[in-house]
Each structure stands twice: as C-alpha cells, then as structure tokens.
Amino acid sequence: MQKLTNKEEEVMKILWSLEKAFVKEIMEEIEGEKPHYNTLSTIVRNLEEKEYVGHEAFGKTHRYFPLIRKEDYRKKFVNSAIADYYDDSYKSIVSHFAKEEKISIEELKEIIDLIEKRN
C-alpha cells in the first residue's frame, strides 16, 4: 500500500463518505479553495494507479469508488506513524498525548479497562 499525499487523502475521505462519485461530485465536497477540475481528475487517476480507487465507465465519464476500506487505511497509517515517529512504542504515543494534555485521566482509565478485558 503506497503512501498518499495530503490531497489524495482528502479525496479518499470524500470517496469513503460518498461511496461512489464523479469528479464533479468530489469537487463539490472539497472545502476551502477548490483545485482546477483537471488537477482533481489527475489526483483521482493517481489514486486509481495506486489501486486505492476503481471506476465504472459511463460513456466518456467515470464514476469512482474506493477499493480500500477506510479502516484498513487507518490501521496502516496509524501503525506506520507509530513506527516512524514513536519508535514503534505505543507507550511513547500515549505518553506524548498525556504530556500534550490531549488525553484525559478518564480516557486513560477506559483504555486500561479495554486492555484488562482483552486479557
């Protein structure tokens, strides 16, 4: 599974949400400054080359759909980020969020409960 650019991820999030879409429908969902139609079309075709997206042909136009589930991509992305930025240590990532005050004591207790129930 190849890494996606930020723009490719943005398009994938839209496709996961819509399930199937033409480029013009993807364009409608983009927030903020919209790319040129041809630029967006190129991004979608790149996603197809990376095997993240498939299409159905309707004459000269295509309707695109995700080939990879959002959950599968998330798992790959999270595991890769933990390996790259936290030395493959889940303890390091939780410590980071605790130091940054991004996780509460209640949330940490919920995580501990989940771990205890699993064992």
PDB file of N, CA and C in Angstrom:
ATOM      1  N   MET A   1       0.851  -1.174   0.000  1.00  0.00           N
ATOM      2  CA  MET A   1       0.000   0.000   0.000  1.00  0.00           C
ATOM      3  C   MET A   1       0.897   1.238   0.000  1.00  0.00           C
ATOM      4  N   GLN A   2       0.787   2.035  -1.060  1.00  0.00           N
ATOM      5  CA  GLN A   2       1.606   3.241  -1.172  1.00  0.00           C
ATOM      6  C   GLN A   2       1.056   4.354  -0.292  1.00  0.00           C
ATOM      7  N   LYS A   3       1.974   5.191   0.185  1.00  0.00           N
ATOM      8  CA  LYS A   3       1.596   6.339   1.000  1.00  0.00           C
ATOM      9  C   LYS A   3       0.868   7.358   0.129  1.00  0.00           C
ATOM     10  N   LEU A   4      -0.132   8.007   0.688  1.00  0.00           N
ATOM     11  CA  LEU A   4      -0.894   9.012  -0.034  1.00  0.00           C
ATOM     12  C   LEU A   4      -0.429  10.418   0.321  1.00  0.00           C
ATOM     13  N   THR A   5      -0.562  11.328  -0.634  1.00  0.00           N
ATOM     14  CA  THR A   5      -0.305  12.735  -0.358  1.00  0.00           C
ATOM     15  C   THR A   5      -1.495  13.285   0.429  1.00  0.00           C
ATOM     16  N   ASN A   6      -1.350  14.481   0.977  1.00  0.00           N
ATOM     17  CA  ASN A   6      -2.452  15.094   1.719  1.00  0.00           C
ATOM     18  C   ASN A   6      -3.682  15.277   0.832  1.00  0.00           C
ATOM     19  N   LYS A   7      -3.483  15.710  -0.409  1.00  0.00           N
ATOM     20  CA  LYS A   7      -4.605  15.909  -1.341  1.00  0.00           C
ATOM     21  C   LYS A   7      -5.269  14.575  -1.674  1.00  0.00           C
ATOM     22  N   GLU A   8      -4.464  13.530  -1.862  1.00  0.00           N
ATOM     23  CA  GLU A   8      -5.027  12.216  -2.145  1.00  0.00           C
ATOM     24  C   GLU A   8      -5.848  11.715  -0.956  1.00  0.00           C
ATOM     25  N   GLU A   9      -5.353  11.937   0.252  1.00  0.00           N
ATOM     26  CA  GLU A   9      -6.106  11.540   1.449  1.00  0.00           C
ATOM     27  C   GLU A   9      -7.426  12.291   1.535  1.00  0.00           C
ATOM     28  N   GLU A  10      -7.388  13.572   1.203  1.00  0.00           N
ATOM     29  CA  GLU A  10      -8.605  14.382   1.233  1.00  0.00           C
ATOM     30  C   GLU A  10      -9.646  13.803   0.260  1.00  0.00           C
ATOM     31  N   VAL A  11      -9.211  13.431  -0.933  1.00  0.00           N
ATOM     32  CA  VAL A  11     -10.116  12.848  -1.921  1.00  0.00           C
ATOM     33  C   VAL A  11     -10.634  11.496  -1.440  1.00  0.00           C
ATOM     34  N   MET A  12      -9.759  10.689  -0.852  1.00  0.00           N
ATOM     35  CA  MET A  12     -10.188   9.387  -0.342  1.00  0.00           C
ATOM     36  C   MET A  12     -11.244   9.550   0.748  1.00  0.00           C
ATOM     37  N   LYS A  13     -11.069  10.508   1.635  1.00  0.00           N
ATOM     38  CA  LYS A  13     -12.065  10.736   2.690  1.00  0.00           C
ATOM     39  C   LYS A  13     -13.422  11.056   2.081  1.00  0.00           C
ATOM     40  N   ILE A  14     -13.419  11.839   1.009  1.00  0.00           N
ATOM     41  CA  ILE A  14     -14.659  12.181   0.323  1.00  0.00           C
ATOM     42  C   ILE A  14     -15.260  10.934  -0.313  1.00  0.00           C
ATOM     43  N   LEU A  15     -14.432  10.136  -0.978  1.00  0.00           N
ATOM     44  CA  LEU A  15     -14.939   8.917  -1.617  1.00  0.00           C
ATOM     45  C   LEU A  15     -15.459   7.911  -0.592  1.00  0.00           C
ATOM     46  N   TRP A  16     -14.779   7.792   0.537  1.00  0.00           N
ATOM     47  CA  TRP A  16     -15.283   6.895   1.588  1.00  0.00           C
ATOM     48  C   TRP A  16     -16.654   7.370   2.063  1.00  0.00           C
ATOM     49  N   SER A  17     -16.818   8.670   2.149  1.00  0.00           N
ATOM     50  CA  SER A  17     -18.079   9.236   2.596  1.00  0.00           C
ATOM     51  C   SER A  17     -19.188   9.047   1.556  1.00  0.00           C
ATOM     52  N   LEU A  18     -18.879   9.336   0.297  1.00  0.00           N
ATOM     53  CA  LEU A  18     -19.886   9.259  -0.765  1.00  0.00           C
ATOM     54  C   LEU A  18     -20.087   7.834  -1.297  1.00  0.00           C
ATOM     55  N   GLU A  19     -19.082   7.001  -1.149  1.00  0.00           N
ATOM     56  CA  GLU A  19     -19.049   5.615  -1.634  1.00  0.00           C
ATOM     57  C   GLU A  19     -18.823   5.508  -3.140  1.00  0.00           C
ATOM     58  N   LYS A  20     -19.485   6.326  -3.939  1.00  0.00           N
ATOM     59  CA  LYS A  20     -19.273   6.394  -5.387  1.00  0.00           C
ATOM     60  C   LYS A  20     -19.461   7.845  -5.799  1.00  0.00           C
ATOM     61  N   ALA A  21     -18.609   8.331  -6.718  1.00  0.00           N
ATOM     62  CA  ALA A  21     -18.755   9.735  -7.116  1.00  0.00           C
ATOM     63  C   ALA A  21     -18.039  10.022  -8.426  1.00  0.00           C
ATOM     64  N   PHE A  22     -18.607  10.947  -9.162  1.00  0.00           N
ATOM     65  CA  PHE A  22     -17.946  11.507 -10.330  1.00  0.00           C
ATOM     66  C   PHE A  22     -17.020  12.608  -9.835  1.00  0.00           C
ATOM     67  N   VAL A  23     -16.045  13.009 -10.656  1.00  0.00           N
ATOM     68  CA  VAL A  23     -15.092  14.044 -10.241  1.00  0.00           C
ATOM     69  C   VAL A  23     -15.831  15.312  -9.825  1.00  0.00           C
ATOM     70  N   LYS A  24     -16.876  15.696 -10.566  1.00  0.00           N
ATOM     71  CA  LYS A  24     -17.613  16.929 -10.214  1.00  0.00           C
ATOM     72  C   LYS A  24     -18.260  16.823  -8.836  1.00  0.00           C
ATOM     73  N   GLU A  25     -18.690  15.609  -8.440  1.00  0.00           N
ATOM     74  CA  GLU A  25     -19.280  15.419  -7.114  1.00  0.00           C
ATOM     75  C   GLU A  25     -18.218  15.481  -6.023  1.00  0.00           C
ATOM     76  N   ILE A  26     -17.036  14.971  -6.332  1.00  0.00           N
ATOM     77  CA  ILE A  26     -15.917  15.078  -5.386  1.00  0.00           C
ATOM     78  C   ILE A  26     -15.580  16.558  -5.195  1.00  0.00           C
ATOM     79  N   MET A  27     -15.535  17.293  -6.308  1.00  0.00           N
ATOM     80  CA  MET A  27     -15.215  18.729  -6.274  1.00  0.00           C
ATOM     81  C   MET A  27     -16.176  19.479  -5.353  1.00  0.00           C
ATOM     82  N   GLU A  28     -17.462  19.142  -5.425  1.00  0.00           N
ATOM     83  CA  GLU A  28     -18.474  19.818  -4.601  1.00  0.00           C
ATOM     84  C   GLU A  28     -18.221  19.636  -3.107  1.00  0.00           C
ATOM     85  N   GLU A  29     -17.589  18.533  -2.733  1.00  0.00           N
ATOM     86  CA  GLU A  29     -17.355  18.213  -1.319  1.00  0.00           C
ATOM     87  C   GLU A  29     -16.067  18.812  -0.764  1.00  0.00           C
ATOM     88  N   ILE A  30     -15.202  19.310  -1.632  1.00  0.00           N
ATOM     89  CA  ILE A  30     -13.928  19.866  -1.168  1.00  0.00           C
ATOM     90  C   ILE A  30     -14.183  21.195  -0.483  1.00  0.00           C
ATOM     91  N   GLU A  31     -13.669  21.300   0.731  1.00  0.00           N
ATOM     92  CA  GLU A  31     -13.839  22.540   1.498  1.00  0.00           C
ATOM     93  C   GLU A  31     -12.707  23.497   1.181  1.00  0.00           C
ATOM     94  N   GLY A  32     -12.974  24.770   1.289  1.00  0.00           N
ATOM     95  CA  GLY A  32     -11.947  25.778   1.047  1.00  0.00           C
ATOM     96  C   GLY A  32     -11.685  25.947  -0.442  1.00  0.00           C
ATOM     97  N   GLU A  33     -10.440  26.294  -0.744  1.00  0.00           N
ATOM     98  CA  GLU A  33     -10.062  26.542  -2.130  1.00  0.00           C
ATOM     99  C   GLU A  33     -10.112  25.252  -2.944  1.00  0.00           C
ATOM    100  N   LYS A  34     -10.868  25.285  -4.013  1.00  0.00           N
ATOM    101  CA  LYS A  34     -11.037  24.097  -4.842  1.00  0.00           C
ATOM    102  C   LYS A  34      -9.975  24.060  -5.940  1.00  0.00           C
ATOM    103  N   PRO A  35      -9.437  22.874  -6.202  1.00  0.00           N
ATOM    104  CA  PRO A  35      -8.453  22.764  -7.285  1.00  0.00           C
ATOM    105  C   PRO A  35      -9.149  22.880  -8.641  1.00  0.00           C
ATOM    106  N   HIS A  36      -8.383  23.072  -9.690  1.00  0.00           N
ATOM    107  CA  HIS A  36      -8.922  23.044 -11.041  1.00  0.00           C
ATOM    108  C   HIS A  36      -9.460  21.637 -11.304  1.00  0.00           C
ATOM    109  N   TYR A  37     -10.504  21.524 -12.098  1.00  0.00           N
ATOM    110  CA  TYR A  37     -11.118  20.225 -12.405  1.00  0.00           C
ATOM    111  C   TYR A  37     -10.079  19.224 -12.905  1.00  0.00           C
ATOM    112  N   ASN A  38      -9.203  19.649 -13.821  1.00  0.00           N
ATOM    113  CA  ASN A  38      -8.191  18.740 -14.375  1.00  0.00           C
ATOM    114  C   ASN A  38      -7.210  18.265 -13.309  1.00  0.00           C
ATOM    115  N   THR A  39      -6.881  19.145 -12.368  1.00  0.00           N
ATOM    116  CA  THR A  39      -5.986  18.769 -11.267  1.00  0.00           C
ATOM    117  C   THR A  39      -6.637  17.689 -10.412  1.00  0.00           C
ATOM    118  N   LEU A  40      -7.909  17.893 -10.074  1.00  0.00           N
ATOM    119  CA  LEU A  40      -8.628  16.903  -9.272  1.00  0.00           C
ATOM    120  C   LEU A  40      -8.746  15.577 -10.025  1.00  0.00           C
ATOM    121  N   SER A  41      -9.011  15.661 -11.310  1.00  0.00           N
ATOM    122  CA  SER A  41      -9.103  14.456 -12.127  1.00  0.00           C
ATOM    123  C   SER A  41      -7.777  13.691 -12.121  1.00  0.00           C
ATOM    124  N   THR A  42      -6.676  14.404 -12.171  1.00  0.00           N
ATOM    125  CA  THR A  42      -5.347  13.778 -12.121  1.00  0.00           C
ATOM    126  C   THR A  42      -5.127  13.097 -10.771  1.00  0.00           C
ATOM    127  N   ILE A  43      -5.528  13.760  -9.692  1.00  0.00           N
ATOM    128  CA  ILE A  43      -5.394  13.170  -8.350  1.00  0.00           C
ATOM    129  C   ILE A  43      -6.171  11.856  -8.277  1.00  0.00           C
ATOM    130  N   VAL A  44      -7.391  11.857  -8.804  1.00  0.00           N
ATOM    131  CA  VAL A  44      -8.218  10.654  -8.766  1.00  0.00           C
ATOM    132  C   VAL A  44      -7.579   9.547  -9.607  1.00  0.00           C
ATOM    133  N   ARG A  45      -7.059   9.898 -10.770  1.00  0.00           N
ATOM    134  CA  ARG A  45      -6.397   8.882 -11.607  1.00  0.00           C
ATOM    135  C   ARG A  45      -5.139   8.340 -10.922  1.00  0.00           C
ATOM    136  N   ASN A  46      -4.415   9.200 -10.195  1.00  0.00           N
ATOM    137  CA  ASN A  46      -3.250   8.728  -9.426  1.00  0.00           C
ATOM    138  C   ASN A  46      -3.684   7.734  -8.348  1.00  0.00           C
ATOM    139  N   LEU A  47      -4.810   8.010  -7.713  1.00  0.00           N
ATOM    140  CA  LEU A  47      -5.346   7.079  -6.714  1.00  0.00           C
ATOM    141  C   LEU A  47      -5.710   5.746  -7.358  1.00  0.00           C
ATOM    142  N   GLU A  48      -6.180   5.812  -8.588  1.00  0.00           N
ATOM    143  CA  GLU A  48      -6.508   4.587  -9.305  1.00  0.00           C
ATOM    144  C   GLU A  48      -5.233   3.806  -9.630  1.00  0.00           C
ATOM    145  N   GLU A  49      -4.189   4.507 -10.047  1.00  0.00           N
ATOM    146  CA  GLU A  49      -2.907   3.849 -10.330  1.00  0.00           C
ATOM    147  C   GLU A  49      -2.325   3.208  -9.080  1.00  0.00           C
ATOM    148  N   LYS A  50      -2.533   3.827  -7.921  1.00  0.00           N
ATOM    149  CA  LYS A  50      -2.051   3.281  -6.652  1.00  0.00           C
ATOM    150  C   LYS A  50      -2.973   2.181  -6.124  1.00  0.00           C
ATOM    151  N   GLU A  51      -4.038   1.908  -6.857  1.00  0.00           N
ATOM    152  CA  GLU A  51      -5.014   0.863  -6.527  1.00  0.00           C
ATOM    153  C   GLU A  51      -5.821   1.151  -5.262  1.00  0.00           C
ATOM    154  N   TYR A  52      -6.070   2.429  -5.012  1.00  0.00           N
ATOM    155  CA  TYR A  52      -6.957   2.835  -3.929  1.00  0.00           C
ATOM    156  C   TYR A  52      -8.379   3.020  -4.445  1.00  0.00           C
ATOM    157  N   VAL A  53      -8.503   3.268  -5.759  1.00  0.00           N
ATOM    158  CA  VAL A  53      -9.773   3.645  -6.370  1.00  0.00           C
ATOM    159  C   VAL A  53      -9.994   2.829  -7.641  1.00  0.00           C
ATOM    160  N   GLY A  54     -11.244   2.470  -7.876  1.00  0.00           N
ATOM    161  CA  GLY A  54     -11.647   1.853  -9.131  1.00  0.00           C
ATOM    162  C   GLY A  54     -12.677   2.747  -9.797  1.00  0.00           C
ATOM    163  N   HIS A  55     -13.111   2.381 -10.993  1.00  0.00           N
ATOM    164  CA  HIS A  55     -14.133   3.192 -11.653  1.00  0.00           C
ATOM    165  C   HIS A  55     -15.083   2.355 -12.496  1.00  0.00           C
ATOM    166  N   GLU A  56     -16.247   2.947 -12.734  1.00  0.00           N
ATOM    167  CA  GLU A  56     -17.226   2.424 -13.672  1.00  0.00           C
ATOM    168  C   GLU A  56     -17.308   3.443 -14.797  1.00  0.00           C
ATOM    169  N   ALA A  57     -17.284   2.998 -16.036  1.00  0.00           N
ATOM    170  CA  ALA A  57     -17.357   3.912 -17.172  1.00  0.00           C
ATOM    171  C   ALA A  57     -18.808   4.164 -17.562  1.00  0.00           C
ATOM    172  N   PHE A  58     -19.115   5.422 -17.810  1.00  0.00           N
ATOM    173  CA  PHE A  58     -20.416   5.850 -18.328  1.00  0.00           C
ATOM    174  C   PHE A  58     -20.114   6.714 -19.545  1.00  0.00           C
ATOM    175  N   GLY A  59     -19.937   6.064 -20.685  1.00  0.00           N
ATOM    176  CA  GLY A  59     -19.508   6.797 -21.877  1.00  0.00           C
ATOM    177  C   GLY A  59     -18.096   7.302 -21.655  1.00  0.00           C
ATOM    178  N   LYS A  60     -17.924   8.617 -21.792  1.00  0.00           N
ATOM    179  CA  LYS A  60     -16.590   9.210 -21.637  1.00  0.00           C
ATOM    180  C   LYS A  60     -16.285   9.621 -20.199  1.00  0.00           C
ATOM    181  N   THR A  61     -17.242   9.471 -19.327  1.00  0.00           N
ATOM    182  CA  THR A  61     -17.026   9.873 -17.936  1.00  0.00           C
ATOM    183  C   THR A  61     -16.935   8.632 -17.042  1.00  0.00           C
ATOM    184  N   HIS A  62     -16.320   8.808 -15.895  1.00  0.00           N
ATOM    185  CA  HIS A  62     -16.134   7.699 -14.963  1.00  0.00           C
ATOM    186  C   HIS A  62     -16.699   8.056 -13.599  1.00  0.00           C
ATOM    187  N   ARG A  63     -17.284   7.053 -12.961  1.00  0.00           N
ATOM    188  CA  ARG A  63     -17.701   7.197 -11.565  1.00  0.00           C
ATOM    189  C   ARG A  63     -16.731   6.359 -10.747  1.00  0.00           C
ATOM    190  N   TYR A  64     -16.118   6.994  -9.762  1.00  0.00           N
ATOM    191  CA  TYR A  64     -15.050   6.364  -8.979  1.00  0.00           C
ATOM    192  C   TYR A  64     -15.588   5.846  -7.654  1.00  0.00           C
ATOM    193  N   PHE A  65     -14.908   4.825  -7.138  1.00  0.00           N
ATOM    194  CA  PHE A  65     -15.283   4.231  -5.851  1.00  0.00           C
ATOM    195  C   PHE A  65     -14.018   3.700  -5.175  1.00  0.00           C
ATOM    196  N   PRO A  66     -14.004   3.685  -3.836  1.00  0.00           N
ATOM    197  CA  PRO A  66     -12.827   3.193  -3.103  1.00  0.00           C
ATOM    198  C   PRO A  66     -12.659   1.683  -3.264  1.00  0.00           C
ATOM    199  N   LEU A  67     -11.428   1.255  -3.403  1.00  0.00           N
ATOM    200  CA  LEU A  67     -11.102  -0.177  -3.415  1.00  0.00           C
ATOM    201  C   LEU A  67     -10.581  -0.624  -2.055  1.00  0.00           C
ATOM    202  N   ILE A  68     -10.211   0.351  -1.231  1.00  0.00           N
ATOM    203  CA  ILE A  68      -9.645   0.070   0.095  1.00  0.00           C
ATOM    204  C   ILE A  68     -10.577   0.660   1.147  1.00  0.00           C
ATOM    205  N   ARG A  69     -10.870  -0.143   2.150  1.00  0.00           N
ATOM    206  CA  ARG A  69     -11.741   0.340   3.223  1.00  0.00           C
ATOM    207  C   ARG A  69     -11.009   1.376   4.069  1.00  0.00           C
ATOM    208  N   LYS A  70     -11.750   2.322   4.575  1.00  0.00           N
ATOM    209  CA  LYS A  70     -11.186   3.376   5.423  1.00  0.00           C
ATOM    210  C   LYS A  70     -10.482   2.770   6.638  1.00  0.00           C
ATOM    211  N   GLU A  71     -11.065   1.733   7.216  1.00  0.00           N
ATOM    212  CA  GLU A  71     -10.490   1.100   8.406  1.00  0.00           C
ATOM    213  C   GLU A  71      -9.130   0.475   8.102  1.00  0.00           C
ATOM    214  N   ASP A  72      -9.013  -0.140   6.921  1.00  0.00           N
ATOM    215  CA  ASP A  72      -7.739  -0.751   6.537  1.00  0.00           C
ATOM    216  C   ASP A  72      -6.660   0.309   6.335  1.00  0.00           C
ATOM    217  N   TYR A  73      -7.034   1.431   5.716  1.00  0.00           N
ATOM    218  CA  TYR A  73      -6.074   2.514   5.512  1.00  0.00           C
ATOM    219  C   TYR A  73      -5.676   3.116   6.855  1.00  0.00           C
ATOM    220  N   ARG A  74      -6.649   3.329   7.716  1.00  0.00           N
ATOM    221  CA  ARG A  74      -6.372   3.915   9.041  1.00  0.00           C
ATOM    222  C   ARG A  74      -5.396   3.048   9.821  1.00  0.00           C
ATOM    223  N   LYS A  75      -5.623   1.732   9.807  1.00  0.00           N
ATOM    224  CA  LYS A  75      -4.743   0.810  10.528  1.00  0.00           C
ATOM    225  C   LYS A  75      -3.313   0.916   9.997  1.00  0.00           C
ATOM    226  N   LYS A  76      -3.178   0.914   8.679  1.00  0.00           N
ATOM    227  CA  LYS A  76      -1.850   1.006   8.047  1.00  0.00           C
ATOM    228  C   LYS A  76      -1.198   2.346   8.391  1.00  0.00           C
ATOM    229  N   PHE A  77      -1.963   3.428   8.309  1.00  0.00           N
ATOM    230  CA  PHE A  77      -1.442   4.763   8.580  1.00  0.00           C
ATOM    231  C   PHE A  77      -1.015   4.896  10.037  1.00  0.00           C
ATOM    232  N   VAL A  78      -1.845   4.448  10.953  1.00  0.00           N
ATOM    233  CA  VAL A  78      -1.529   4.565  12.384  1.00  0.00           C
ATOM    234  C   VAL A  78      -0.294   3.740  12.719  1.00  0.00           C
ATOM    235  N   ASN A  79      -0.256   2.505  12.237  1.00  0.00           N
ATOM    236  CA  ASN A  79       0.903   1.656  12.512  1.00  0.00           C
ATOM    237  C   ASN A  79       2.181   2.256  11.944  1.00  0.00           C
ATOM    238  N   SER A  80       2.099   2.826  10.753  1.00  0.00           N
ATOM    239  CA  SER A  80       3.256   3.455  10.117  1.00  0.00           C
ATOM    240  C   SER A  80       3.704   4.690  10.904  1.00  0.00           C
ATOM    241  N   ALA A  81       2.747   5.508  11.327  1.00  0.00           N
ATOM    242  CA  ALA A  81       3.082   6.719  12.089  1.00  0.00           C
ATOM    243  C   ALA A  81       3.721   6.360  13.431  1.00  0.00           C
ATOM    244  N   ILE A  82       3.203   5.351  14.093  1.00  0.00           N
ATOM    245  CA  ILE A  82       3.771   4.926  15.379  1.00  0.00           C
ATOM    246  C   ILE A  82       5.188   4.414  15.179  1.00  0.00           C
ATOM    247  N   ALA A  83       5.396   3.646  14.120  1.00  0.00           N
ATOM    248  CA  ALA A  83       6.742   3.128  13.833  1.00  0.00           C
ATOM    249  C   ALA A  83       7.699   4.264  13.494  1.00  0.00           C
ATOM    250  N   ASP A  84       7.252   5.225  12.663  1.00  0.00           N
ATOM    251  CA  ASP A  84       8.124   6.303  12.191  1.00  0.00           C
ATOM    252  C   ASP A  84       8.421   7.367  13.250  1.00  0.00           C
ATOM    253  N   TYR A  85       7.424   7.697  14.073  1.00  0.00           N
ATOM    254  CA  TYR A  85       7.571   8.839  14.973  1.00  0.00           C
ATOM    255  C   TYR A  85       7.673   8.478  16.456  1.00  0.00           C
ATOM    256  N   TYR A  86       7.321   7.255  16.809  1.00  0.00           N
ATOM    257  CA  TYR A  86       7.328   6.867  18.221  1.00  0.00           C
ATOM    258  C   TYR A  86       8.113   5.581  18.459  1.00  0.00           C
ATOM    259  N   ASP A  87       9.050   5.277  17.579  1.00  0.00           N
ATOM    260  CA  ASP A  87       9.918   4.100  17.711  1.00  0.00           C
ATOM    261  C   ASP A  87       9.128   2.818  17.962  1.00  0.00           C
ATOM    262  N   ASP A  88       7.980   2.728  17.315  1.00  0.00           N
ATOM    263  CA  ASP A  88       7.115   1.547  17.410  1.00  0.00           C
ATOM    264  C   ASP A  88       6.654   1.280  18.843  1.00  0.00           C
ATOM    265  N   SER A  89       6.558   2.334  19.644  1.00  0.00           N
ATOM    266  CA  SER A  89       6.178   2.199  21.046  1.00  0.00           C
ATOM    267  C   SER A  89       4.825   2.870  21.300  1.00  0.00           C
ATOM    268  N   TYR A  90       3.842   2.057  21.647  1.00  0.00           N
ATOM    269  CA  TYR A  90       2.524   2.602  21.971  1.00  0.00           C
ATOM    270  C   TYR A  90       2.576   3.385  23.267  1.00  0.00           C
ATOM    271  N   LYS A  91       3.469   2.983  24.164  1.00  0.00           N
ATOM    272  CA  LYS A  91       3.648   3.723  25.416  1.00  0.00           C
ATOM    273  C   LYS A  91       4.110   5.143  25.111  1.00  0.00           C
ATOM    274  N   SER A  92       5.016   5.281  24.148  1.00  0.00           N
ATOM    275  CA  SER A  92       5.516   6.609  23.785  1.00  0.00           C
ATOM    276  C   SER A  92       4.406   7.496  23.226  1.00  0.00           C
ATOM    277  N   ILE A  93       3.545   6.913  22.425  1.00  0.00           N
ATOM    278  CA  ILE A  93       2.474   7.723  21.842  1.00  0.00           C
ATOM    279  C   ILE A  93       1.468   8.155  22.906  1.00  0.00           C
ATOM    280  N   VAL A  94       1.111   7.254  23.804  1.00  0.00           N
ATOM    281  CA  VAL A  94       0.174   7.613  24.875  1.00  0.00           C
ATOM    282  C   VAL A  94       0.808   8.657  25.791  1.00  0.00           C
ATOM    283  N   SER A  95       2.100   8.501  26.092  1.00  0.00           N
ATOM    284  CA  SER A  95       2.812   9.487  26.912  1.00  0.00           C
ATOM    285  C   SER A  95       2.811  10.847  26.238  1.00  0.00           C
ATOM    286  N   HIS A  96       3.023  10.852  24.928  1.00  0.00           N
ATOM    287  CA  HIS A  96       3.018  12.106  24.169  1.00  0.00           C
ATOM    288  C   HIS A  96       1.672  12.821  24.329  1.00  0.00           C
ATOM    289  N   PHE A  97       0.576  12.078  24.140  1.00  0.00           N
ATOM    290  CA  PHE A  97      -0.743  12.691  24.253  1.00  0.00           C
ATOM    291  C   PHE A  97      -1.040  13.139  25.678  1.00  0.00           C
ATOM    292  N   ALA A  98      -0.546  12.403  26.656  1.00  0.00           N
ATOM    293  CA  ALA A  98      -0.744  12.800  28.052  1.00  0.00           C
ATOM    294  C   ALA A  98       0.006  14.094  28.351  1.00  0.00           C
ATOM    295  N   LYS A  99       1.264  14.190  27.886  1.00  0.00           N
ATOM    296  CA  LYS A  99       2.053  15.406  28.111  1.00  0.00           C
ATOM    297  C   LYS A  99       1.437  16.612  27.405  1.00  0.00           C
ATOM    298  N   GLU A 100       0.874  16.393  26.240  1.00  0.00           N
ATOM    299  CA  GLU A 100       0.251  17.478  25.468  1.00  0.00           C
ATOM    300  C   GLU A 100      -1.169  17.779  25.952  1.00  0.00           C
ATOM    301  N   GLU A 101      -1.610  17.047  26.980  1.00  0.00           N
ATOM    302  CA  GLU A 101      -2.954  17.182  27.543  1.00  0.00           C
ATOM    303  C   GLU A 101      -4.034  16.954  26.490  1.00  0.00           C
ATOM    304  N   LYS A 102      -3.796  15.990  25.610  1.00  0.00           N
ATOM    305  CA  LYS A 102      -4.756  15.623  24.563  1.00  0.00           C
ATOM    306  C   LYS A 102      -5.590  14.419  24.981  1.00  0.00           C
ATOM    307  N   ILE A 103      -5.244  13.836  26.131  1.00  0.00           N
ATOM    308  CA  ILE A 103      -5.974  12.675  26.630  1.00  0.00           C
ATOM    309  C   ILE A 103      -6.206  12.873  28.124  1.00  0.00           C
ATOM    310  N   SER A 104      -7.409  12.558  28.561  1.00  0.00           N
ATOM    311  CA  SER A 104      -7.766  12.773  29.970  1.00  0.00           C
ATOM    312  C   SER A 104      -7.505  11.520  30.789  1.00  0.00           C
ATOM    313  N   ILE A 105      -7.543  11.689  32.098  1.00  0.00           N
ATOM    314  CA  ILE A 105      -7.382  10.560  33.012  1.00  0.00           C
ATOM    315  C   ILE A 105      -8.517   9.557  32.795  1.00  0.00           C
ATOM    316  N   GLU A 106      -9.723  10.076  32.562  1.00  0.00           N
ATOM    317  CA  GLU A 106     -10.866   9.185  32.317  1.00  0.00           C
ATOM    318  C   GLU A 106     -10.632   8.343  31.063  1.00  0.00           C
ATOM    319  N   GLU A 107     -10.109   8.964  30.011  1.00  0.00           N
ATOM    320  CA  GLU A 107      -9.831   8.227  28.778  1.00  0.00           C
ATOM    321  C   GLU A 107      -8.741   7.174  28.994  1.00  0.00           C
ATOM    322  N   LEU A 108      -7.731   7.532  29.758  1.00  0.00           N
ATOM    323  CA  LEU A 108      -6.678   6.562  30.072  1.00  0.00           C
ATOM    324  C   LEU A 108      -7.244   5.375  30.858  1.00  0.00           C
ATOM    325  N   LYS A 109      -8.148   5.664  31.798  1.00  0.00           N
ATOM    326  CA  LYS A 109      -8.782   4.580  32.557  1.00  0.00           C
ATOM    327  C   LYS A 109      -9.606   3.679  31.633  1.00  0.00           C
ATOM    328  N   GLU A 110     -10.294   4.282  30.659  1.00  0.00           N
ATOM    329  CA  GLU A 110     -11.064   3.490  29.693  1.00  0.00           C
ATOM    330  C   GLU A 110     -10.141   2.583  28.879  1.00  0.00           C
ATOM    331  N   ILE A 111      -8.981   3.096  28.501  1.00  0.00           N
ATOM    332  CA  ILE A 111      -8.007   2.307  27.745  1.00  0.00           C
ATOM    333  C   ILE A 111      -7.522   1.134  28.596  1.00  0.00           C
ATOM    334  N   ILE A 112      -7.216   1.409  29.860  1.00  0.00           N
ATOM    335  CA  ILE A 112      -6.772   0.342  30.771  1.00  0.00           C
ATOM    336  C   ILE A 112      -7.865  -0.712  30.913  1.00  0.00           C
ATOM    337  N   ASP A 113      -9.123  -0.271  31.046  1.00  0.00           N
ATOM    338  CA  ASP A 113     -10.235  -1.218  31.146  1.00  0.00           C
ATOM    339  C   ASP A 113     -10.326  -2.094  29.892  1.00  0.00           C
ATOM    340  N   LEU A 114     -10.168  -1.491  28.738  1.00  0.00           N
ATOM    341  CA  LEU A 114     -10.203  -2.259  27.484  1.00  0.00           C
ATOM    342  C   LEU A 114      -9.094  -3.313  27.444  1.00  0.00           C
ATOM    343  N   ILE A 115      -7.915  -2.909  27.869  1.00  0.00           N
ATOM    344  CA  ILE A 115      -6.779  -3.842  27.873  1.00  0.00           C
ATOM    345  C   ILE A 115      -7.025  -4.970  28.860  1.00  0.00           C
ATOM    346  N   GLU A 116      -7.519  -4.631  30.046  1.00  0.00           N
ATOM    347  CA  GLU A 116      -7.785  -5.662  31.060  1.00  0.00           C
ATOM    348  C   GLU A 116      -8.865  -6.634  30.615  1.00  0.00           C
ATOM    349  N   LYS A 117      -9.887  -6.146  29.933  1.00  0.00           N
ATOM    350  CA  LYS A 117     -10.956  -7.013  29.446  1.00  0.00           C
ATOM    351  C   LYS A 117     -10.456  -7.938  28.339  1.00  0.00           C
ATOM    352  N   ARG A 118      -9.498  -7.478  27.562  1.00  0.00           N
ATOM    353  CA  ARG A 118      -8.944  -8.282  26.472  1.00  0.00           C
ATOM    354  C   ARG A 118      -8.118  -9.441  26.997  1.00  0.00           C
ATOM    355  N   ASN A 119      -7.470  -9.259  28.143  1.00  0.00           N
ATOM    356  CA  ASN A 119      -6.597 -10.304  28.704  1.00  0.00           C
ATOM    357  C   ASN A 119      -7.362 -11.181  29.585  1.00  0.00           C
TER     358      ASN A 119
END
